[in-house]
């Protein structure tokens, strides 16, 4: 019994590590059997060498063949199937971030590394020097994700069923009507964008993935996947596999920052930068309602903020307006003349200049109404982002 990990076999122009792992598991030698579902593990969302969703794969395998035979199979598979996928890169057409060439990594552990290594990999930028020694390994940077995927304990999990297509190019055909009906299943999530009425399960770039159906239970994903695969309007698939995943876990986040705003600036392009007592934060324009809320804030507003610290700035994934100064403050109206009362000077109260009605000095305006958690549209959220309508994950704490 042991664990096989794999990462970094894809690039923007094609390939997918899920498909590579699927083919690898389909070619296991006699005496080696997959135990339960393989694991699809999302890692640090802002890792500089990421391609798409920065996911690595791991699988528990029962090995009954001789040790030498198993190691020989690993080495042969690496040399003939995995290593040739390295050093491939495609520039992005919509992002200025430079793409790094694929650098596959493959590892074998008799026993998984501690779960803490996974937590580091999902929250920090690790190097190959940070990795524990595997029983067998090959490759370069991909060994980081491969090892972290093996280290994930999988206890708090969601599920994703992935179908792969026969051709990597051309528009994908997934039955839209059936998908709309599946969107009513509370055990499935991130199926459709209700704003645009379009599906979210089929990638748009060059990839062998036909669709990925996500859910909170394995049964719901298996049932929904079978319906989609057999639908008349769905193109034929060449493979299907359900994965245990860490998606929607919020594992990349550690704390809610409760803080006071000191300044807000809306930059060119619509990105909103917020200065607070806890440092700088940014709500990027694609975050939609998060950026809208951020732009409405002002000095002395109190907020709860949730996001990752990247290069000294918190990249906001959720924001909640807790309290703040009155908006549009002004003097009250005279109850008799319906004219605005005027201040008579310091500690002299207010007076109506028409009827001489007097009142203590005060201001009226729009009181701040606390908001619920505001998150980006569903198609703009990270794979790891939790749906805060159901509450914060238990591991996230508050700091103030």
Protein backbone atom coordinates (compact mmCIF):
# COMPACT_ATOMS: atom_id res chain seq x y z
CA UNK A 1 0.00 0.00 0.00
CA UNK A 2 1.28 3.45 -0.83
CA UNK A 3 0.61 6.81 -2.49
CA UNK A 4 1.36 8.04 -5.98
CA UNK A 5 1.46 11.80 -6.67
CA UNK A 6 1.62 13.73 -9.94
CA UNK A 7 1.67 17.39 -10.96
CA UNK A 8 2.53 19.96 -13.64
CA UNK A 9 2.00 18.08 -16.90
CA UNK A 10 -0.16 20.75 -18.59
CA UNK A 11 0.12 24.22 -20.11
CA UNK A 12 -2.35 26.77 -21.46
CA UNK A 13 -2.09 25.31 -24.95
CA UNK A 14 -3.19 21.82 -23.97
CA UNK A 15 -2.93 18.86 -21.66
CA UNK A 16 -4.35 18.34 -18.19
CA UNK A 17 -2.82 16.59 -15.20
CA UNK A 18 -6.19 14.94 -14.45
CA UNK A 19 -6.10 13.25 -17.86
CA UNK A 20 -2.45 12.25 -17.46
CA UNK A 21 -3.22 10.65 -14.09
CA UNK A 22 -6.32 8.94 -15.48
CA UNK A 23 -4.27 7.31 -18.24
CA UNK A 24 -1.51 6.41 -15.78
CA UNK A 25 -3.95 4.67 -13.43
CA UNK A 26 -5.51 2.84 -16.37
CA UNK A 27 -2.08 1.38 -17.17
CA UNK A 28 -1.24 0.07 -13.68
CA UNK A 29 0.67 -3.21 -13.86
CA UNK A 30 -0.73 -6.53 -12.71
CA UNK A 31 -0.69 -6.66 -8.94
CA UNK A 32 -1.32 -2.92 -8.47
CA UNK A 33 -4.88 -1.75 -7.72
CA UNK A 34 -6.34 1.72 -7.15
CA UNK A 35 -7.84 2.13 -3.67
CA UNK A 36 -10.95 4.35 -3.57
CA UNK A 37 -11.17 7.57 -5.62
CA UNK A 38 -8.07 9.48 -6.74
CA UNK A 39 -7.58 12.89 -5.17
CA UNK A 40 -7.72 16.22 -6.97
CA UNK A 41 -5.97 18.75 -4.73
CA UNK A 42 -5.96 22.48 -5.42
CA UNK A 43 -2.89 24.27 -4.08
CA UNK A 44 -1.75 27.90 -3.60
CA UNK A 45 -4.04 29.99 -5.84
CA UNK A 46 -1.35 32.62 -6.47
CA UNK A 47 1.63 30.33 -7.03
CA UNK A 48 3.83 32.01 -9.67
CA UNK A 49 4.21 28.84 -11.79
CA UNK A 50 0.52 27.90 -11.88
CA UNK A 51 -1.29 27.29 -15.16
CA UNK A 52 -5.07 26.95 -14.72
CA UNK A 53 -6.46 25.87 -11.35
CA UNK A 54 -3.11 24.79 -9.87
CA UNK A 55 -4.30 21.26 -9.10
CA UNK A 56 -2.21 18.18 -8.34
CA UNK A 57 -3.31 14.54 -8.28
CA UNK A 58 -2.72 11.72 -5.82
CA UNK A 59 -3.91 8.12 -5.60
CA UNK A 60 -3.66 5.39 -2.98
CA UNK A 61 -2.55 2.15 -4.59
CA UNK A 62 -2.36 -1.37 -3.21
CA UNK A 63 0.78 -2.97 -4.62
CA UNK A 64 1.05 -6.75 -4.45
CA UNK A 65 3.78 -7.22 -7.04
CA UNK A 66 7.49 -7.35 -6.14
CA UNK A 67 9.08 -4.08 -5.01
CA UNK A 68 11.62 -4.17 -7.84
CA UNK A 69 8.88 -4.71 -10.40
CA UNK A 70 6.84 -1.80 -9.04
CA UNK A 71 9.78 0.61 -9.00
CA UNK A 72 10.65 -0.51 -12.50
CA UNK A 73 7.13 0.31 -13.65
CA UNK A 74 7.32 3.78 -12.04
CA UNK A 75 10.60 4.52 -13.78
CA UNK A 76 9.36 3.25 -17.15
CA UNK A 77 6.12 5.24 -16.85
CA UNK A 78 8.01 8.36 -15.92
CA UNK A 79 10.44 8.01 -18.81
CA UNK A 80 7.88 7.16 -21.50
CA UNK A 81 4.64 8.92 -20.43
CA UNK A 82 5.35 11.77 -18.02
CA UNK A 83 8.79 13.25 -18.69
CA UNK A 84 7.99 13.97 -22.39
CA UNK A 85 5.21 16.33 -21.19
CA UNK A 86 7.77 18.74 -19.73
CA UNK A 87 9.12 22.00 -21.11
CA UNK A 88 5.86 23.01 -22.81
CA UNK A 89 4.48 26.53 -22.55
CA UNK A 90 1.83 28.70 -24.16
CA UNK A 91 1.59 32.48 -23.63
CA UNK A 92 -1.65 33.81 -22.19
CA UNK A 93 -3.82 35.94 -24.47
CA UNK A 94 -5.63 37.73 -21.62
CA UNK A 95 -3.16 37.91 -18.73
CA UNK A 96 0.18 39.68 -18.53
CA UNK A 97 1.59 37.08 -16.15
CA UNK A 98 4.39 35.15 -17.83
CA UNK A 99 3.66 31.44 -18.21
CA UNK A 100 6.25 28.94 -16.99
CA UNK A 101 7.05 25.80 -19.01
CA UNK A 102 5.56 22.59 -17.61
CA UNK A 103 7.93 20.82 -15.23
CA UNK A 104 6.34 17.46 -14.29
CA UNK A 105 6.94 15.73 -11.00
CA UNK A 106 6.00 12.23 -9.89
CA UNK A 107 6.44 10.76 -6.39
CA UNK A 108 5.80 7.53 -4.50
CA UNK A 109 5.40 7.34 -0.71
CA UNK A 110 4.82 4.21 1.33
CA UNK A 111 3.23 6.48 3.94
CA UNK A 112 1.89 9.99 3.23
CA UNK A 113 3.77 13.04 4.58
CA UNK A 114 2.06 14.99 7.39
CA UNK A 115 -1.06 17.00 6.56
CA UNK A 116 0.81 20.13 7.67
CA UNK A 117 2.87 19.96 4.48
CA UNK A 118 -0.32 20.22 2.44
CA UNK A 119 -1.43 23.22 4.51
CA UNK A 120 1.89 24.93 3.85
CA UNK A 121 1.59 24.22 0.12
CA UNK A 122 -1.90 25.72 -0.07
CA UNK A 123 -0.94 28.85 1.91
CA UNK A 124 2.75 29.42 1.15
CA UNK A 125 5.12 29.27 -1.81
CA UNK A 126 7.25 26.16 -1.26
CA UNK A 127 10.43 25.03 -3.00
CA UNK A 128 11.76 21.56 -3.68
CA UNK A 129 14.03 22.01 -0.67
CA UNK A 130 10.94 21.97 1.58
CA UNK A 131 9.91 18.45 0.55
CA UNK A 132 10.35 15.28 2.62
CA UNK A 133 12.21 12.46 0.91
CA UNK A 134 9.98 10.12 -1.05
CA UNK A 135 10.61 6.41 -1.50
CA UNK A 136 10.85 7.17 -5.20
CA UNK A 137 10.56 10.42 -7.14
CA UNK A 138 11.42 11.95 -10.48
CA UNK A 139 11.12 15.31 -12.15
CA UNK A 140 11.33 18.93 -11.12
CA UNK A 141 8.98 21.56 -9.74
CA UNK A 142 5.96 19.30 -10.12
CA UNK A 143 7.21 17.22 -7.20
CA UNK A 144 6.05 20.03 -4.89
CA UNK A 145 2.39 19.71 -5.87
CA UNK A 146 2.61 15.94 -6.19
CA UNK A 147 3.93 15.62 -2.63
CA UNK A 148 1.39 18.09 -1.26
CA UNK A 149 -1.47 16.16 -2.91
CA UNK A 150 -0.28 12.98 -1.20
CA UNK A 151 -0.03 14.86 2.12
CA UNK A 152 -3.67 16.05 2.06
CA UNK A 153 -5.62 13.90 4.54
CA UNK A 154 -8.89 14.18 2.61
CA UNK A 155 -11.10 14.20 5.69
CA UNK A 156 -13.03 17.39 4.78
CA UNK A 157 -13.79 16.83 1.13
CA UNK A 158 -16.03 17.65 -1.79
CA UNK A 159 -16.20 15.68 -5.05
CA UNK A 160 -15.62 16.31 -8.73
CA UNK A 161 -16.48 13.97 -11.57
CA UNK A 162 -14.39 14.69 -14.66
CA UNK A 163 -15.20 13.52 -18.18
CA UNK A 164 -12.59 13.77 -20.92
CA UNK A 165 -13.29 14.31 -24.61
CA UNK A 166 -11.93 12.65 -27.73
CA UNK A 167 -10.75 15.94 -29.25
CA UNK A 168 -9.00 18.80 -27.42
CA UNK A 169 -10.19 21.50 -29.82
CA UNK A 170 -13.58 22.83 -30.88
CA UNK A 171 -16.60 23.91 -28.88
CA UNK A 172 -17.64 21.45 -26.19
CA UNK A 173 -21.13 20.02 -26.32
CA UNK A 174 -22.71 19.41 -22.92
CA UNK A 175 -26.51 19.11 -22.64
CA UNK A 176 -27.54 22.56 -21.42
CA UNK A 177 -31.13 21.64 -20.52
CA UNK A 178 -30.05 18.71 -18.40
CA UNK A 179 -27.39 20.82 -16.74
CA UNK A 180 -30.03 23.41 -15.85
CA UNK A 181 -32.07 20.71 -14.13
CA UNK A 182 -29.01 19.45 -12.24
CA UNK A 183 -28.49 22.98 -10.93
CA UNK A 184 -31.54 22.42 -8.71
CA UNK A 185 -29.77 19.62 -6.84
CA UNK A 186 -28.51 21.10 -3.53
CA UNK A 187 -25.76 18.46 -3.41
CA UNK A 188 -24.17 19.91 -6.56
CA UNK A 189 -22.47 23.30 -6.73
CA UNK A 190 -20.90 25.70 -9.24
CA UNK A 191 -22.84 24.11 -12.11
CA UNK A 192 -24.27 27.24 -13.75
CA UNK A 193 -23.89 31.00 -13.56
CA UNK A 194 -27.37 32.30 -12.70
CA UNK A 195 -26.45 35.80 -13.93
CA UNK A 196 -25.58 34.67 -17.44
CA UNK A 197 -27.59 31.46 -17.68
CA UNK A 198 -24.59 29.45 -18.84
CA UNK A 199 -22.86 26.35 -17.58
CA UNK A 200 -19.67 26.50 -15.54
CA UNK A 201 -18.62 22.86 -15.76
CA UNK A 202 -16.96 22.91 -19.20
CA UNK A 203 -13.61 24.67 -19.61
CA UNK A 204 -13.22 27.08 -22.49
CA UNK A 205 -9.50 26.66 -23.20
CA UNK A 206 -7.51 23.93 -24.91
CA UNK A 207 -7.86 20.92 -22.63
CA UNK A 208 -8.93 17.28 -22.86
CA UNK A 209 -11.55 17.91 -20.16
CA UNK A 210 -15.15 17.77 -21.43
CA UNK A 211 -16.70 18.79 -18.11
CA UNK A 212 -16.15 18.70 -14.37
CA UNK A 213 -19.22 18.25 -12.16
CA UNK A 214 -18.73 19.33 -8.53
CA UNK A 215 -20.75 18.26 -5.51
CA UNK A 216 -20.81 17.76 -1.79
CA UNK A 217 -21.52 14.02 -2.06
CA UNK A 218 -20.01 11.33 -4.24
CA UNK A 219 -23.44 9.88 -4.97
CA UNK A 220 -24.77 13.17 -6.39
CA UNK A 221 -21.74 13.59 -8.64
CA UNK A 222 -21.89 10.00 -9.90
CA UNK A 223 -25.60 10.25 -10.64
CA UNK A 224 -25.38 13.68 -12.28
CA UNK A 225 -22.33 12.68 -14.31
CA UNK A 226 -24.05 9.57 -15.63
CA UNK A 227 -27.07 11.62 -16.71
CA UNK A 228 -24.88 14.15 -18.53
CA UNK A 229 -22.76 11.49 -20.23
CA UNK A 230 -25.85 9.70 -21.53
CA UNK A 231 -27.67 12.85 -22.64
CA UNK A 232 -28.30 13.10 -26.38
CA UNK A 233 -26.91 16.66 -26.57
CA UNK A 234 -23.62 15.76 -24.85
CA UNK A 235 -20.73 14.78 -27.08
CA UNK A 236 -19.16 11.32 -26.59
CA UNK A 237 -16.55 11.08 -23.82
CA UNK A 238 -13.48 8.90 -23.77
CA UNK A 239 -13.14 8.65 -19.99
CA UNK A 240 -14.80 9.45 -16.65
CA UNK A 241 -13.56 9.49 -13.07
CA UNK A 242 -14.86 10.80 -9.74
CA UNK A 243 -12.25 12.51 -7.55
CA UNK A 244 -12.17 13.39 -3.88
CA UNK A 245 -11.21 17.09 -3.71
CA UNK A 246 -10.36 19.95 -1.37
CA UNK A 247 -12.40 22.40 -3.46
CA UNK A 248 -14.56 24.92 -1.54
CA UNK A 249 -12.65 24.01 1.64
CA UNK A 250 -11.20 27.47 2.25
CA UNK A 251 -7.97 25.76 3.31
CA UNK A 252 -5.92 28.55 1.70
CA UNK A 253 -7.45 31.03 4.17
CA UNK A 254 -6.64 31.27 7.87
CA UNK A 255 -8.42 34.27 9.37
CA UNK A 256 -11.01 37.00 9.00
CA UNK A 257 -9.47 40.43 9.53
CA UNK A 258 -11.75 42.77 11.49
CA UNK A 259 -10.36 46.23 10.84
CA UNK A 260 -11.05 49.93 10.30
CA UNK A 261 -10.70 51.60 6.92
CA UNK A 262 -8.44 54.64 6.68
CA UNK A 263 -8.52 55.35 2.92
CA UNK A 264 -10.05 54.02 -0.30
CA UNK A 265 -8.81 54.55 -3.86
CA UNK A 266 -10.42 53.30 -7.06
CA UNK A 267 -7.59 52.78 -9.54
CA UNK A 268 -7.69 52.83 -13.29
CA UNK A 269 -9.36 49.66 -14.52
CA UNK A 270 -11.74 49.50 -11.56
CA UNK A 271 -9.50 47.82 -9.00
CA UNK A 272 -10.17 49.14 -5.47
CA UNK A 273 -7.31 49.59 -3.00
CA UNK A 274 -8.17 49.91 0.67
CA UNK A 275 -5.84 51.09 3.43
CA UNK A 276 -6.76 49.78 6.87
CA UNK A 277 -5.37 49.48 10.38
CA UNK A 278 -4.19 46.02 9.32
CA UNK A 279 -2.50 47.13 6.11
CA UNK A 280 -3.38 47.20 2.44
CA UNK A 281 -6.16 45.26 0.73
CA UNK A 282 -7.35 45.09 -2.87
CA UNK A 283 -10.63 44.13 -4.50
CA UNK A 284 -10.00 43.46 -8.17
CA UNK A 285 -12.60 44.62 -10.68
CA UNK A 286 -13.60 41.04 -11.74
CA UNK A 287 -14.70 40.42 -8.14
CA UNK A 288 -17.84 42.38 -9.05
CA UNK A 289 -19.93 43.07 -5.92
CA UNK A 290 -16.83 42.86 -3.71
CA UNK A 291 -15.22 45.70 -5.66
CA UNK A 292 -18.51 47.62 -5.62
CA UNK A 293 -18.77 47.36 -1.83
CA UNK A 294 -15.09 48.22 -1.42
CA UNK A 295 -15.49 51.38 -3.53
CA UNK A 296 -18.38 52.55 -1.32
CA UNK A 297 -16.31 52.45 1.86
CA UNK A 298 -14.78 55.45 3.55
CA UNK A 299 -12.57 56.37 6.47
CA UNK A 300 -13.67 54.97 9.85
CA UNK A 301 -15.78 52.21 8.32
CA UNK A 302 -15.36 48.87 10.09
CA UNK A 303 -15.18 45.78 7.88
CA UNK A 304 -14.54 42.06 8.07
CA UNK A 305 -12.20 40.99 5.27
CA UNK A 306 -11.28 37.54 4.00
CA UNK A 307 -8.49 36.89 1.54
CA UNK A 308 -4.91 35.77 0.95
CA UNK A 309 -1.86 37.89 1.71
CA UNK A 310 0.08 38.18 -1.56
CA UNK A 311 3.20 40.38 -1.69
CA UNK A 312 2.07 42.26 1.40
CA UNK A 313 -1.47 42.98 0.15
CA UNK A 314 -4.63 41.08 1.09
CA UNK A 315 -6.38 39.95 -2.11
CA UNK A 316 -10.02 40.08 -1.06
CA UNK A 317 -12.26 37.07 -1.66
CA UNK A 318 -15.06 38.19 0.64
CA UNK A 319 -15.97 41.43 2.39
CA UNK A 320 -18.54 42.40 5.03
CA UNK A 321 -19.42 45.96 6.05
CA UNK A 322 -19.92 45.93 9.81
CA UNK A 323 -20.41 49.58 10.80
CA UNK A 324 -19.34 53.10 9.99
CA UNK A 325 -20.09 56.81 10.16
CA UNK A 326 -23.43 58.14 9.03
CA UNK A 327 -23.66 58.75 5.26
CA UNK A 328 -24.68 62.19 3.90
CA UNK A 329 -24.87 63.88 7.33
CA UNK A 330 -26.99 67.04 7.49
CA UNK A 331 -29.02 69.09 9.95
CA UNK A 332 -32.62 68.00 10.61
CA UNK A 333 -35.69 69.77 9.22
CA UNK A 334 -37.84 72.09 11.31
CA UNK A 335 -41.01 70.15 12.25
CA UNK A 336 -43.12 73.27 11.69
CA UNK A 337 -41.64 74.99 8.64
CA UNK A 338 -39.94 72.06 6.96
CA UNK A 339 -36.80 74.12 6.54
CA UNK A 340 -33.31 72.96 7.46
CA UNK A 341 -32.30 73.96 10.99
CA UNK A 342 -29.11 76.00 11.37
CA UNK A 343 -26.38 75.77 13.97
CA UNK A 344 -26.24 78.74 16.32
CA UNK A 345 -22.62 78.12 17.20
CA UNK A 346 -20.68 75.85 19.48
CA UNK A 347 -22.87 74.38 22.25
CA UNK A 348 -25.77 76.70 21.28
CA UNK A 349 -27.92 74.12 19.51
CA UNK A 350 -29.97 74.46 16.35
CA UNK A 351 -32.58 77.07 15.39
CA UNK A 352 -35.12 77.54 12.63
CA UNK A 353 -34.52 80.92 11.02
CA UNK A 354 -38.21 81.19 10.11
CA UNK A 355 -40.13 80.30 13.28
CA UNK A 356 -37.32 80.30 15.85
CA UNK A 357 -37.92 76.63 16.75
CA UNK A 358 -34.92 75.30 18.69
CA UNK A 359 -33.39 71.82 19.15
CA UNK A 360 -30.16 70.37 20.56
CA UNK A 361 -27.38 70.09 18.01
CA UNK A 362 -27.52 66.84 16.05
CA UNK A 363 -27.06 65.34 12.60
CA UNK A 364 -29.34 63.16 10.53
CA UNK A 365 -28.45 61.00 7.54
CA UNK A 366 -28.24 57.45 6.30
CA UNK A 367 -27.10 54.99 8.94
CA UNK A 368 -24.81 52.19 7.80
CA UNK A 369 -26.67 48.90 7.51
CA UNK A 370 -24.39 45.92 8.13
CA UNK A 371 -24.11 43.62 5.12
CA UNK A 372 -23.89 39.88 4.82
CA UNK A 373 -20.71 38.41 3.40
CA UNK A 374 -20.24 39.68 -0.16
CA UNK A 375 -18.38 37.34 -2.55
CA UNK A 376 -17.43 37.47 -6.24
CA UNK A 377 -19.81 35.97 -8.82
CA UNK A 378 -19.64 32.20 -8.82
CA UNK A 379 -17.64 32.10 -12.06
CA UNK A 380 -15.00 34.41 -10.56
CA UNK A 381 -14.31 32.54 -7.34
CA UNK A 382 -11.25 30.45 -6.65
CA UNK A 383 -11.69 26.68 -6.70
CA UNK A 384 -10.83 26.70 -2.99
CA UNK A 385 -13.20 29.51 -1.98
CA UNK A 386 -15.98 28.40 0.39
CA UNK A 387 -19.58 29.49 -0.10
CA UNK A 388 -20.08 31.74 2.91
CA UNK A 389 -23.86 31.48 2.74
CA UNK A 390 -23.32 28.30 4.74
CA UNK A 391 -20.97 29.88 7.25
CA UNK A 392 -17.22 30.15 7.71
CA UNK A 393 -15.12 26.97 7.71
CA UNK A 394 -14.28 25.94 11.26
CA UNK A 395 -10.54 26.52 10.87
CA UNK A 396 -10.92 30.22 10.04
CA UNK A 397 -10.49 32.50 13.06
CA UNK A 398 -11.07 36.23 13.63
CA UNK A 399 -8.23 38.70 14.22
CA UNK A 400 -8.70 42.36 15.11
